[in-house]
């Protein structure tokens, strides 16, 4: 007979990750901004309680934006959020596409027609 394990089923929990559909939406916005020359690099972190997609202007600096997924906030204010470089939450919600629109607005610029 073996002694009871001190690890429960909850402690062996898988890390949170973005699924294929979520990554498709994120990489679509990311690709547009790379083509515009605004962004250059990204990083993905799959942690125990959240997943983070970090966006960088250059490789060796702090992220200018972070797209975070917090499943525990699903029933509250929404599990997706976009966070700026200064730590402010720019947009939070239940739908990833809606939340990512805050980043697409950065792509729209005025054009001089002269």
PDB file of N, CA and C in Angstrom:
ATOM      1  N   UNK A   1       0.828  -1.176   0.000  1.00  0.00           N
ATOM      2  CA  UNK A   1       0.000   0.000   0.000  1.00  0.00           C
ATOM      3  C   UNK A   1       0.876   1.244   0.000  1.00  0.00           C
ATOM      4  N   UNK A   2       0.534   2.208  -0.850  1.00  0.00           N
ATOM      5  CA  UNK A   2       1.319   3.427  -0.955  1.00  0.00           C
ATOM      6  C   UNK A   2       0.696   4.540  -0.120  1.00  0.00           C
ATOM      7  N   UNK A   3       1.544   5.402   0.436  1.00  0.00           N
ATOM      8  CA  UNK A   3       0.993   6.551   1.176  1.00  0.00           C
ATOM      9  C   UNK A   3       0.321   7.519   0.207  1.00  0.00           C
ATOM     10  N   UNK A   4      -0.632   8.291   0.682  1.00  0.00           N
ATOM     11  CA  UNK A   4      -1.314   9.227  -0.220  1.00  0.00           C
ATOM     12  C   UNK A   4      -0.337  10.261  -0.773  1.00  0.00           C
ATOM     13  N   UNK A   5      -0.540  10.596  -2.006  1.00  0.00           N
ATOM     14  CA  UNK A   5       0.318  11.585  -2.661  1.00  0.00           C
ATOM     15  C   UNK A   5      -0.023  12.974  -2.155  1.00  0.00           C
ATOM     16  N   UNK A   6       0.988  13.807  -1.983  1.00  0.00           N
ATOM     17  CA  UNK A   6       0.728  15.164  -1.523  1.00  0.00           C
ATOM     18  C   UNK A   6       0.344  16.085  -2.676  1.00  0.00           C
ATOM     19  N   UNK A   7       0.376  15.578  -3.897  1.00  0.00           N
ATOM     20  CA  UNK A   7      -0.031  16.361  -5.061  1.00  0.00           C
ATOM     21  C   UNK A   7      -1.475  16.023  -5.400  1.00  0.00           C
ATOM     22  N   UNK A   8      -2.294  17.038  -5.477  1.00  0.00           N
ATOM     23  CA  UNK A   8      -3.691  16.808  -5.850  1.00  0.00           C
ATOM     24  C   UNK A   8      -3.840  16.968  -7.356  1.00  0.00           C
ATOM     25  N   UNK A   9      -5.027  16.679  -7.848  1.00  0.00           N
ATOM     26  CA  UNK A   9      -5.284  16.811  -9.280  1.00  0.00           C
ATOM     27  C   UNK A   9      -5.189  18.272  -9.716  1.00  0.00           C
ATOM     28  N   UNK A  10      -5.531  19.215  -8.836  1.00  0.00           N
ATOM     29  CA  UNK A  10      -5.482  20.631  -9.179  1.00  0.00           C
ATOM     30  C   UNK A  10      -4.055  21.156  -9.288  1.00  0.00           C
ATOM     31  N   UNK A  11      -3.107  20.583  -8.533  1.00  0.00           N
ATOM     32  CA  UNK A  11      -1.737  21.089  -8.582  1.00  0.00           C
ATOM     33  C   UNK A  11      -1.026  20.683  -9.860  1.00  0.00           C
ATOM     34  N   UNK A  12      -1.534  19.668 -10.549  1.00  0.00           N
ATOM     35  CA  UNK A  12      -0.928  19.230 -11.809  1.00  0.00           C
ATOM     36  C   UNK A  12      -1.672  19.838 -12.995  1.00  0.00           C
ATOM     37  N   UNK A  13      -2.302  20.982 -12.776  1.00  0.00           N
ATOM     38  CA  UNK A  13      -3.099  21.651 -13.788  1.00  0.00           C
ATOM     39  C   UNK A  13      -2.234  22.108 -14.959  1.00  0.00           C
ATOM     40  N   UNK A  14      -2.787  21.993 -16.158  1.00  0.00           N
ATOM     41  CA  UNK A  14      -2.093  22.425 -17.370  1.00  0.00           C
ATOM     42  C   UNK A  14      -2.049  23.955 -17.411  1.00  0.00           C
ATOM     43  N   UNK A  15      -1.000  24.524 -17.990  1.00  0.00           N
ATOM     44  CA  UNK A  15      -0.958  25.983 -18.107  1.00  0.00           C
ATOM     45  C   UNK A  15      -2.016  26.492 -19.085  1.00  0.00           C
ATOM     46  N   UNK A  16      -2.414  27.738 -18.907  1.00  0.00           N
ATOM     47  CA  UNK A  16      -3.391  28.370 -19.788  1.00  0.00           C
ATOM     48  C   UNK A  16      -2.693  28.712 -21.099  1.00  0.00           C
ATOM     49  N   UNK A  17      -3.374  28.509 -22.212  1.00  0.00           N
ATOM     50  CA  UNK A  17      -2.801  28.804 -23.525  1.00  0.00           C
ATOM     51  C   UNK A  17      -3.884  29.370 -24.437  1.00  0.00           C
ATOM     52  N   UNK A  18      -3.459  30.085 -25.465  1.00  0.00           N
ATOM     53  CA  UNK A  18      -4.380  30.548 -26.492  1.00  0.00           C
ATOM     54  C   UNK A  18      -4.669  29.373 -27.419  1.00  0.00           C
ATOM     55  N   UNK A  19      -5.928  29.196 -27.828  1.00  0.00           N
ATOM     56  CA  UNK A  19      -6.238  28.125 -28.773  1.00  0.00           C
ATOM     57  C   UNK A  19      -5.973  28.615 -30.200  1.00  0.00           C
ATOM     58  N   UNK A  20      -6.172  27.750 -31.169  1.00  0.00           N
ATOM     59  CA  UNK A  20      -5.847  28.047 -32.566  1.00  0.00           C
ATOM     60  C   UNK A  20      -6.635  29.247 -33.100  1.00  0.00           C
ATOM     61  N   UNK A  21      -7.909  29.322 -32.773  1.00  0.00           N
ATOM     62  CA  UNK A  21      -8.754  30.425 -33.238  1.00  0.00           C
ATOM     63  C   UNK A  21      -8.281  31.752 -32.642  1.00  0.00           C
ATOM     64  N   UNK A  22      -7.975  31.744 -31.358  1.00  0.00           N
ATOM     65  CA  UNK A  22      -7.482  32.960 -30.693  1.00  0.00           C
ATOM     66  C   UNK A  22      -6.146  33.416 -31.287  1.00  0.00           C
ATOM     67  N   UNK A  23      -5.245  32.471 -31.518  1.00  0.00           N
ATOM     68  CA  UNK A  23      -3.946  32.816 -32.111  1.00  0.00           C
ATOM     69  C   UNK A  23      -4.118  33.367 -33.525  1.00  0.00           C
ATOM     70  N   UNK A  24      -5.084  32.848 -34.262  1.00  0.00           N
ATOM     71  CA  UNK A  24      -5.348  33.347 -35.610  1.00  0.00           C
ATOM     72  C   UNK A  24      -5.742  34.818 -35.568  1.00  0.00           C
ATOM     73  N   UNK A  25      -6.628  35.190 -34.646  1.00  0.00           N
ATOM     74  CA  UNK A  25      -7.053  36.583 -34.511  1.00  0.00           C
ATOM     75  C   UNK A  25      -5.876  37.478 -34.104  1.00  0.00           C
ATOM     76  N   UNK A  26      -5.110  37.025 -33.138  1.00  0.00           N
ATOM     77  CA  UNK A  26      -3.979  37.822 -32.648  1.00  0.00           C
ATOM     78  C   UNK A  26      -2.931  37.989 -33.741  1.00  0.00           C
ATOM     79  N   UNK A  27      -2.577  36.906 -34.419  1.00  0.00           N
ATOM     80  CA  UNK A  27      -1.543  36.982 -35.451  1.00  0.00           C
ATOM     81  C   UNK A  27      -1.995  37.760 -36.682  1.00  0.00           C
ATOM     82  N   UNK A  28      -3.290  37.823 -36.926  1.00  0.00           N
ATOM     83  CA  UNK A  28      -3.802  38.641 -38.023  1.00  0.00           C
ATOM     84  C   UNK A  28      -3.521  40.124 -37.761  1.00  0.00           C
ATOM     85  N   UNK A  29      -3.826  40.581 -36.554  1.00  0.00           N
ATOM     86  CA  UNK A  29      -3.544  41.974 -36.184  1.00  0.00           C
ATOM     87  C   UNK A  29      -2.040  42.201 -36.151  1.00  0.00           C
ATOM     88  N   UNK A  30      -1.308  41.254 -35.600  1.00  0.00           N
ATOM     89  CA  UNK A  30       0.148  41.371 -35.507  1.00  0.00           C
ATOM     90  C   UNK A  30       0.768  41.489 -36.911  1.00  0.00           C
ATOM     91  N   UNK A  31       0.325  40.683 -37.846  1.00  0.00           N
ATOM     92  CA  UNK A  31       0.849  40.715 -39.206  1.00  0.00           C
ATOM     93  C   UNK A  31       0.616  42.056 -39.891  1.00  0.00           C
ATOM     94  N   UNK A  32      -0.566  42.653 -39.672  1.00  0.00           N
ATOM     95  CA  UNK A  32      -0.849  43.968 -40.253  1.00  0.00           C
ATOM     96  C   UNK A  32       0.101  45.022 -39.694  1.00  0.00           C
ATOM     97  N   UNK A  33       0.366  44.961 -38.409  1.00  0.00           N
ATOM     98  CA  UNK A  33       1.231  45.957 -37.785  1.00  0.00           C
ATOM     99  C   UNK A  33       2.700  45.746 -38.164  1.00  0.00           C
ATOM    100  N   UNK A  34       3.115  44.510 -38.376  1.00  0.00           N
ATOM    101  CA  UNK A  34       4.475  44.241 -38.846  1.00  0.00           C
ATOM    102  C   UNK A  34       4.631  44.776 -40.267  1.00  0.00           C
ATOM    103  N   UNK A  35       3.628  44.551 -41.118  1.00  0.00           N
ATOM    104  CA  UNK A  35       3.673  45.044 -42.498  1.00  0.00           C
ATOM    105  C   UNK A  35       3.732  46.569 -42.533  1.00  0.00           C
ATOM    106  N   UNK A  36       3.112  47.218 -41.536  1.00  0.00           N
ATOM    107  CA  UNK A  36       3.140  48.683 -41.461  1.00  0.00           C
ATOM    108  C   UNK A  36       4.438  49.195 -40.843  1.00  0.00           C
ATOM    109  N   UNK A  37       5.277  48.283 -40.358  1.00  0.00           N
ATOM    110  CA  UNK A  37       6.557  48.670 -39.775  1.00  0.00           C
ATOM    111  C   UNK A  37       6.480  49.118 -38.326  1.00  0.00           C
ATOM    112  N   UNK A  38       5.347  48.868 -37.652  1.00  0.00           N
ATOM    113  CA  UNK A  38       5.165  49.312 -36.271  1.00  0.00           C
ATOM    114  C   UNK A  38       5.737  48.334 -35.251  1.00  0.00           C
ATOM    115  N   UNK A  39       5.567  47.050 -35.498  1.00  0.00           N
ATOM    116  CA  UNK A  39       5.998  46.028 -34.546  1.00  0.00           C
ATOM    117  C   UNK A  39       7.042  45.136 -35.197  1.00  0.00           C
ATOM    118  N   UNK A  40       7.917  44.539 -34.366  1.00  0.00           N
ATOM    119  CA  UNK A  40       8.985  43.706 -34.915  1.00  0.00           C
ATOM    120  C   UNK A  40       9.078  42.306 -34.297  1.00  0.00           C
ATOM    121  N   UNK A  41       8.598  42.133 -33.078  1.00  0.00           N
ATOM    122  CA  UNK A  41       8.813  40.846 -32.402  1.00  0.00           C
ATOM    123  C   UNK A  41       7.664  40.574 -31.436  1.00  0.00           C
ATOM    124  N   UNK A  42       7.529  39.309 -31.042  1.00  0.00           N
ATOM    125  CA  UNK A  42       6.518  38.948 -30.052  1.00  0.00           C
ATOM    126  C   UNK A  42       7.039  37.815 -29.177  1.00  0.00           C
ATOM    127  N   UNK A  43       6.364  37.622 -28.068  1.00  0.00           N
ATOM    128  CA  UNK A  43       6.679  36.516 -27.160  1.00  0.00           C
ATOM    129  C   UNK A  43       5.394  35.958 -26.600  1.00  0.00           C
ATOM    130  N   UNK A  44       5.379  34.663 -26.330  1.00  0.00           N
ATOM    131  CA  UNK A  44       4.195  34.004 -25.785  1.00  0.00           C
ATOM    132  C   UNK A  44       4.578  33.339 -24.467  1.00  0.00           C
ATOM    133  N   UNK A  45       3.764  33.573 -23.440  1.00  0.00           N
ATOM    134  CA  UNK A  45       3.967  32.944 -22.133  1.00  0.00           C
ATOM    135  C   UNK A  45       2.698  32.197 -21.755  1.00  0.00           C
ATOM    136  N   UNK A  46       2.826  30.923 -21.460  1.00  0.00           N
ATOM    137  CA  UNK A  46       1.710  30.103 -21.000  1.00  0.00           C
ATOM    138  C   UNK A  46       1.946  29.806 -19.524  1.00  0.00           C
ATOM    139  N   UNK A  47       1.239  30.532 -18.673  1.00  0.00           N
ATOM    140  CA  UNK A  47       1.407  30.407 -17.232  1.00  0.00           C
ATOM    141  C   UNK A  47       0.260  29.601 -16.634  1.00  0.00           C
ATOM    142  N   UNK A  48       0.346  29.333 -15.351  1.00  0.00           N
ATOM    143  CA  UNK A  48      -0.662  28.512 -14.697  1.00  0.00           C
ATOM    144  C   UNK A  48      -2.036  29.175 -14.669  1.00  0.00           C
ATOM    145  N   UNK A  49      -2.080  30.491 -14.467  1.00  0.00           N
ATOM    146  CA  UNK A  49      -3.366  31.169 -14.344  1.00  0.00           C
ATOM    147  C   UNK A  49      -3.702  32.102 -15.508  1.00  0.00           C
ATOM    148  N   UNK A  50      -2.755  32.303 -16.447  1.00  0.00           N
ATOM    149  CA  UNK A  50      -3.034  33.166 -17.585  1.00  0.00           C
ATOM    150  C   UNK A  50      -2.082  32.872 -18.741  1.00  0.00           C
ATOM    151  N   UNK A  51      -2.492  33.319 -19.936  1.00  0.00           N
ATOM    152  CA  UNK A  51      -1.637  33.260 -21.128  1.00  0.00           C
ATOM    153  C   UNK A  51      -1.384  34.692 -21.575  1.00  0.00           C
ATOM    154  N   UNK A  52      -0.155  34.963 -22.033  1.00  0.00           N
ATOM    155  CA  UNK A  52       0.221  36.319 -22.422  1.00  0.00           C
ATOM    156  C   UNK A  52       0.884  36.303 -23.797  1.00  0.00           C
ATOM    157  N   UNK A  53       0.428  37.192 -24.679  1.00  0.00           N
ATOM    158  CA  UNK A  53       1.060  37.434 -25.969  1.00  0.00           C
ATOM    159  C   UNK A  53       1.648  38.837 -25.875  1.00  0.00           C
ATOM    160  N   UNK A  54       2.977  38.939 -25.798  1.00  0.00           N
ATOM    161  CA  UNK A  54       3.657  40.225 -25.646  1.00  0.00           C
ATOM    162  C   UNK A  54       4.125  40.726 -27.008  1.00  0.00           C
ATOM    163  N   UNK A  55       3.938  42.026 -27.247  1.00  0.00           N
ATOM    164  CA  UNK A  55       4.280  42.636 -28.526  1.00  0.00           C
ATOM    165  C   UNK A  55       5.394  43.654 -28.304  1.00  0.00           C
ATOM    166  N   UNK A  56       6.434  43.564 -29.134  1.00  0.00           N
ATOM    167  CA  UNK A  56       7.611  44.417 -28.985  1.00  0.00           C
ATOM    168  C   UNK A  56       7.826  45.264 -30.234  1.00  0.00           C
ATOM    169  N   UNK A  57       8.297  46.482 -30.028  1.00  0.00           N
ATOM    170  CA  UNK A  57       8.688  47.327 -31.162  1.00  0.00           C
ATOM    171  C   UNK A  57      10.055  46.894 -31.670  1.00  0.00           C
ATOM    172  N   UNK A  58      10.959  46.605 -30.733  1.00  0.00           N
ATOM    173  CA  UNK A  58      12.272  46.043 -31.044  1.00  0.00           C
ATOM    174  C   UNK A  58      12.471  44.820 -30.159  1.00  0.00           C
ATOM    175  N   UNK A  59      13.431  44.006 -30.494  1.00  0.00           N
ATOM    176  CA  UNK A  59      13.620  42.754 -29.759  1.00  0.00           C
ATOM    177  C   UNK A  59      14.039  42.970 -28.321  1.00  0.00           C
ATOM    178  N   UNK A  60      14.982  43.852 -28.076  1.00  0.00           N
ATOM    179  CA  UNK A  60      15.556  43.997 -26.737  1.00  0.00           C
ATOM    180  C   UNK A  60      14.932  45.157 -25.970  1.00  0.00           C
ATOM    181  N   UNK A  61      13.649  45.099 -25.723  1.00  0.00           N
ATOM    182  CA  UNK A  61      12.996  46.118 -24.912  1.00  0.00           C
ATOM    183  C   UNK A  61      11.780  45.523 -24.219  1.00  0.00           C
ATOM    184  N   UNK A  62      11.105  46.335 -23.433  1.00  0.00           N
ATOM    185  CA  UNK A  62       9.889  45.896 -22.762  1.00  0.00           C
ATOM    186  C   UNK A  62       8.741  45.864 -23.773  1.00  0.00           C
ATOM    187  N   UNK A  63       7.749  45.008 -23.552  1.00  0.00           N
ATOM    188  CA  UNK A  63       6.641  44.942 -24.513  1.00  0.00           C
ATOM    189  C   UNK A  63       5.849  46.251 -24.534  1.00  0.00           C
ATOM    190  N   UNK A  64       5.420  46.664 -25.730  1.00  0.00           N
ATOM    191  CA  UNK A  64       4.593  47.865 -25.818  1.00  0.00           C
ATOM    192  C   UNK A  64       3.125  47.530 -25.555  1.00  0.00           C
ATOM    193  N   UNK A  65       2.724  46.297 -25.854  1.00  0.00           N
ATOM    194  CA  UNK A  65       1.372  45.820 -25.558  1.00  0.00           C
ATOM    195  C   UNK A  65       1.448  44.374 -25.109  1.00  0.00           C
ATOM    196  N   UNK A  66       0.473  43.990 -24.280  1.00  0.00           N
ATOM    197  CA  UNK A  66       0.304  42.588 -23.885  1.00  0.00           C
ATOM    198  C   UNK A  66      -1.162  42.222 -24.071  1.00  0.00           C
ATOM    199  N   UNK A  67      -1.400  41.108 -24.753  1.00  0.00           N
ATOM    200  CA  UNK A  67      -2.744  40.551 -24.863  1.00  0.00           C
ATOM    201  C   UNK A  67      -2.786  39.409 -23.860  1.00  0.00           C
ATOM    202  N   UNK A  68      -3.679  39.511 -22.875  1.00  0.00           N
ATOM    203  CA  UNK A  68      -3.726  38.513 -21.805  1.00  0.00           C
ATOM    204  C   UNK A  68      -5.062  37.786 -21.801  1.00  0.00           C
ATOM    205  N   UNK A  69      -4.986  36.522 -21.432  1.00  0.00           N
ATOM    206  CA  UNK A  69      -6.169  35.670 -21.304  1.00  0.00           C
ATOM    207  C   UNK A  69      -6.196  35.149 -19.868  1.00  0.00           C
ATOM    208  N   UNK A  70      -7.236  35.548 -19.123  1.00  0.00           N
ATOM    209  CA  UNK A  70      -7.423  35.115 -17.732  1.00  0.00           C
ATOM    210  C   UNK A  70      -8.734  34.334 -17.648  1.00  0.00           C
ATOM    211  N   UNK A  71      -8.715  33.014 -17.761  1.00  0.00           N
ATOM    212  CA  UNK A  71      -9.961  32.240 -17.745  1.00  0.00           C
ATOM    213  C   UNK A  71     -10.808  32.435 -16.485  1.00  0.00           C
ATOM    214  N   UNK A  72     -10.190  32.738 -15.359  1.00  0.00           N
ATOM    215  CA  UNK A  72     -10.974  32.908 -14.120  1.00  0.00           C
ATOM    216  C   UNK A  72     -11.857  34.154 -14.154  1.00  0.00           C
ATOM    217  N   UNK A  73     -11.586  35.087 -15.089  1.00  0.00           N
ATOM    218  CA  UNK A  73     -12.405  36.291 -15.223  1.00  0.00           C
ATOM    219  C   UNK A  73     -13.498  36.138 -16.273  1.00  0.00           C
ATOM    220  N   UNK A  74     -13.683  34.928 -16.777  1.00  0.00           N
ATOM    221  CA  UNK A  74     -14.653  34.660 -17.839  1.00  0.00           C
ATOM    222  C   UNK A  74     -16.057  35.133 -17.467  1.00  0.00           C
ATOM    223  N   UNK A  75     -16.507  34.872 -16.254  1.00  0.00           N
ATOM    224  CA  UNK A  75     -17.872  35.232 -15.855  1.00  0.00           C
ATOM    225  C   UNK A  75     -17.965  36.642 -15.280  1.00  0.00           C
ATOM    226  N   UNK A  76     -16.865  37.324 -15.141  1.00  0.00           N
ATOM    227  CA  UNK A  76     -16.882  38.684 -14.584  1.00  0.00           C
ATOM    228  C   UNK A  76     -16.761  39.701 -15.706  1.00  0.00           C
ATOM    229  N   UNK A  77     -15.656  40.433 -15.791  1.00  0.00           N
ATOM    230  CA  UNK A  77     -15.519  41.484 -16.795  1.00  0.00           C
ATOM    231  C   UNK A  77     -14.963  41.006 -18.132  1.00  0.00           C
ATOM    232  N   UNK A  78     -14.683  39.746 -18.272  1.00  0.00           N
ATOM    233  CA  UNK A  78     -14.178  39.201 -19.530  1.00  0.00           C
ATOM    234  C   UNK A  78     -12.768  38.684 -19.373  1.00  0.00           C
ATOM    235  N   UNK A  79     -12.446  37.604 -20.061  1.00  0.00           N
ATOM    236  CA  UNK A  79     -11.143  36.974 -19.852  1.00  0.00           C
ATOM    237  C   UNK A  79     -10.040  37.533 -20.730  1.00  0.00           C
ATOM    238  N   UNK A  80     -10.362  38.389 -21.717  1.00  0.00           N
ATOM    239  CA  UNK A  80      -9.338  38.958 -22.592  1.00  0.00           C
ATOM    240  C   UNK A  80      -9.086  40.414 -22.224  1.00  0.00           C
ATOM    241  N   UNK A  81      -7.829  40.813 -22.294  1.00  0.00           N
ATOM    242  CA  UNK A  81      -7.505  42.217 -22.064  1.00  0.00           C
ATOM    243  C   UNK A  81      -6.255  42.598 -22.849  1.00  0.00           C
ATOM    244  N   UNK A  82      -6.182  43.877 -23.231  1.00  0.00           N
ATOM    245  CA  UNK A  82      -5.005  44.454 -23.861  1.00  0.00           C
ATOM    246  C   UNK A  82      -4.448  45.465 -22.877  1.00  0.00           C
ATOM    247  N   UNK A  83      -3.168  45.303 -22.554  1.00  0.00           N
ATOM    248  CA  UNK A  83      -2.519  46.139 -21.551  1.00  0.00           C
ATOM    249  C   UNK A  83      -1.375  46.898 -22.215  1.00  0.00           C
ATOM    250  N   UNK A  84      -1.297  48.198 -21.943  1.00  0.00           N
ATOM    251  CA  UNK A  84      -0.259  49.040 -22.512  1.00  0.00           C
ATOM    252  C   UNK A  84       1.057  48.902 -21.779  1.00  0.00           C
ATOM    253  N   UNK A  85       2.065  49.609 -22.290  1.00  0.00           N
ATOM    254  CA  UNK A  85       3.413  49.552 -21.731  1.00  0.00           C
ATOM    255  C   UNK A  85       3.452  50.029 -20.275  1.00  0.00           C
ATOM    256  N   UNK A  86       2.583  50.980 -19.947  1.00  0.00           N
ATOM    257  CA  UNK A  86       2.571  51.550 -18.604  1.00  0.00           C
ATOM    258  C   UNK A  86       1.726  50.737 -17.618  1.00  0.00           C
ATOM    259  N   UNK A  87       1.135  49.627 -18.073  1.00  0.00           N
ATOM    260  CA  UNK A  87       0.358  48.759 -17.192  1.00  0.00           C
ATOM    261  C   UNK A  87      -1.132  49.054 -17.172  1.00  0.00           C
ATOM    262  N   UNK A  88      -1.570  50.084 -17.887  1.00  0.00           N
ATOM    263  CA  UNK A  88      -2.993  50.394 -17.931  1.00  0.00           C
ATOM    264  C   UNK A  88      -3.728  49.417 -18.835  1.00  0.00           C
ATOM    265  N   UNK A  89      -4.920  49.034 -18.434  1.00  0.00           N
ATOM    266  CA  UNK A  89      -5.758  48.166 -19.264  1.00  0.00           C
ATOM    267  C   UNK A  89      -6.439  49.042 -20.302  1.00  0.00           C
ATOM    268  N   UNK A  90      -6.114  48.818 -21.581  1.00  0.00           N
ATOM    269  CA  UNK A  90      -6.666  49.623 -22.666  1.00  0.00           C
ATOM    270  C   UNK A  90      -8.052  49.144 -23.069  1.00  0.00           C
ATOM    271  N   UNK A  91      -8.278  47.833 -22.979  1.00  0.00           N
ATOM    272  CA  UNK A  91      -9.573  47.256 -23.335  1.00  0.00           C
ATOM    273  C   UNK A  91      -9.681  45.894 -22.685  1.00  0.00           C
ATOM    274  N   UNK A  92     -10.883  45.573 -22.208  1.00  0.00           N
ATOM    275  CA  UNK A  92     -11.139  44.268 -21.607  1.00  0.00           C
ATOM    276  C   UNK A  92     -12.518  43.814 -22.053  1.00  0.00           C
ATOM    277  N   UNK A  93     -12.671  42.501 -22.273  1.00  0.00           N
ATOM    278  CA  UNK A  93     -13.981  42.019 -22.678  1.00  0.00           C
ATOM    279  C   UNK A  93     -14.045  40.513 -22.833  1.00  0.00           C
ATOM    280  N   UNK A  94     -15.226  40.069 -23.265  1.00  0.00           N
ATOM    281  CA  UNK A  94     -15.487  38.637 -23.440  1.00  0.00           C
ATOM    282  C   UNK A  94     -15.118  38.148 -24.839  1.00  0.00           C
ATOM    283  N   UNK A  95     -15.090  39.059 -25.829  1.00  0.00           N
ATOM    284  CA  UNK A  95     -14.824  38.691 -27.212  1.00  0.00           C
ATOM    285  C   UNK A  95     -13.439  39.193 -27.614  1.00  0.00           C
ATOM    286  N   UNK A  96     -12.562  38.292 -28.045  1.00  0.00           N
ATOM    287  CA  UNK A  96     -11.190  38.653 -28.384  1.00  0.00           C
ATOM    288  C   UNK A  96     -11.125  39.630 -29.555  1.00  0.00           C
ATOM    289  N   UNK A  97     -11.930  39.427 -30.579  1.00  0.00           N
ATOM    290  CA  UNK A  97     -11.910  40.338 -31.738  1.00  0.00           C
ATOM    291  C   UNK A  97     -12.218  41.774 -31.328  1.00  0.00           C
ATOM    292  N   UNK A  98     -13.211  41.939 -30.471  1.00  0.00           N
ATOM    293  CA  UNK A  98     -13.582  43.269 -29.993  1.00  0.00           C
ATOM    294  C   UNK A  98     -12.452  43.899 -29.197  1.00  0.00           C
ATOM    295  N   UNK A  99     -11.809  43.118 -28.367  1.00  0.00           N
ATOM    296  CA  UNK A  99     -10.714  43.617 -27.542  1.00  0.00           C
ATOM    297  C   UNK A  99      -9.525  44.019 -28.405  1.00  0.00           C
ATOM    298  N   UNK A 100      -9.251  43.269 -29.465  1.00  0.00           N
ATOM    299  CA  UNK A 100      -8.107  43.556 -30.332  1.00  0.00           C
ATOM    300  C   UNK A 100      -8.308  44.795 -31.205  1.00  0.00           C
ATOM    301  N   UNK A 101      -9.543  45.277 -31.312  1.00  0.00           N
ATOM    302  CA  UNK A 101      -9.793  46.478 -32.131  1.00  0.00           C
ATOM    303  C   UNK A 101      -9.036  47.693 -31.605  1.00  0.00           C
ATOM    304  N   UNK A 102      -8.752  47.731 -30.327  1.00  0.00           N
ATOM    305  CA  UNK A 102      -7.997  48.846 -29.765  1.00  0.00           C
ATOM    306  C   UNK A 102      -6.599  48.907 -30.393  1.00  0.00           C
ATOM    307  N   UNK A 103      -6.046  47.766 -30.790  1.00  0.00           N
ATOM    308  CA  UNK A 103      -4.737  47.744 -31.440  1.00  0.00           C
ATOM    309  C   UNK A 103      -4.842  48.114 -32.915  1.00  0.00           C
ATOM    310  N   UNK A 104      -5.928  47.733 -33.573  1.00  0.00           N
ATOM    311  CA  UNK A 104      -6.102  48.051 -34.991  1.00  0.00           C
ATOM    312  C   UNK A 104      -6.279  49.548 -35.203  1.00  0.00           C
ATOM    313  N   UNK A 105      -6.830  50.248 -34.216  1.00  0.00           N
ATOM    314  CA  UNK A 105      -6.989  51.691 -34.332  1.00  0.00           C
ATOM    315  C   UNK A 105      -5.652  52.393 -34.426  1.00  0.00           C
ATOM    316  N   UNK A 106      -4.610  51.776 -33.898  1.00  0.00           N
ATOM    317  CA  UNK A 106      -3.274  52.364 -33.964  1.00  0.00           C
ATOM    318  C   UNK A 106      -2.748  52.367 -35.404  1.00  0.00           C
ATOM    319  N   UNK A 107      -3.328  51.518 -36.260  1.00  0.00           N
ATOM    320  CA  UNK A 107      -2.893  51.400 -37.650  1.00  0.00           C
ATOM    321  C   UNK A 107      -3.456  52.528 -38.524  1.00  0.00           C
ATOM    322  N   UNK A 108      -4.595  53.050 -38.138  1.00  0.00           N
ATOM    323  CA  UNK A 108      -5.258  54.095 -38.923  1.00  0.00           C
ATOM    324  C   UNK A 108      -4.528  55.416 -38.689  1.00  0.00           C
ATOM    325  N   UNK A 109      -4.074  56.018 -39.793  1.00  0.00           N
ATOM    326  CA  UNK A 109      -3.362  57.296 -39.725  1.00  0.00           C
ATOM    327  C   UNK A 109      -3.982  58.258 -40.712  1.00  0.00           C
ATOM    328  N   UNK A 110      -3.816  59.536 -40.445  1.00  0.00           N
ATOM    329  CA  UNK A 110      -4.313  60.524 -41.404  1.00  0.00           C
ATOM    330  C   UNK A 110      -3.367  60.570 -42.595  1.00  0.00           C
ATOM    331  N   UNK A 111      -3.929  60.770 -43.765  1.00  0.00           N
ATOM    332  CA  UNK A 111      -3.149  60.823 -44.997  1.00  0.00           C
ATOM    333  C   UNK A 111      -3.301  62.214 -45.598  1.00  0.00           C
ATOM    334  N   UNK A 112      -2.176  62.837 -45.938  1.00  0.00           N
ATOM    335  CA  UNK A 112      -2.187  64.152 -46.566  1.00  0.00           C
ATOM    336  C   UNK A 112      -2.397  63.967 -48.063  1.00  0.00           C
ATOM    337  N   UNK A 113      -3.454  64.573 -48.599  1.00  0.00           N
ATOM    338  CA  UNK A 113      -3.809  64.383 -50.000  1.00  0.00           C
ATOM    339  C   UNK A 113      -3.247  65.464 -50.906  1.00  0.00           C
ATOM    340  N   UNK A 114      -2.406  66.355 -50.423  1.00  0.00           N
ATOM    341  CA  UNK A 114      -1.829  67.420 -51.261  1.00  0.00           C
ATOM    342  C   UNK A 114      -0.832  66.895 -52.245  1.00  0.00           C
TER     343      UNK A 114
END
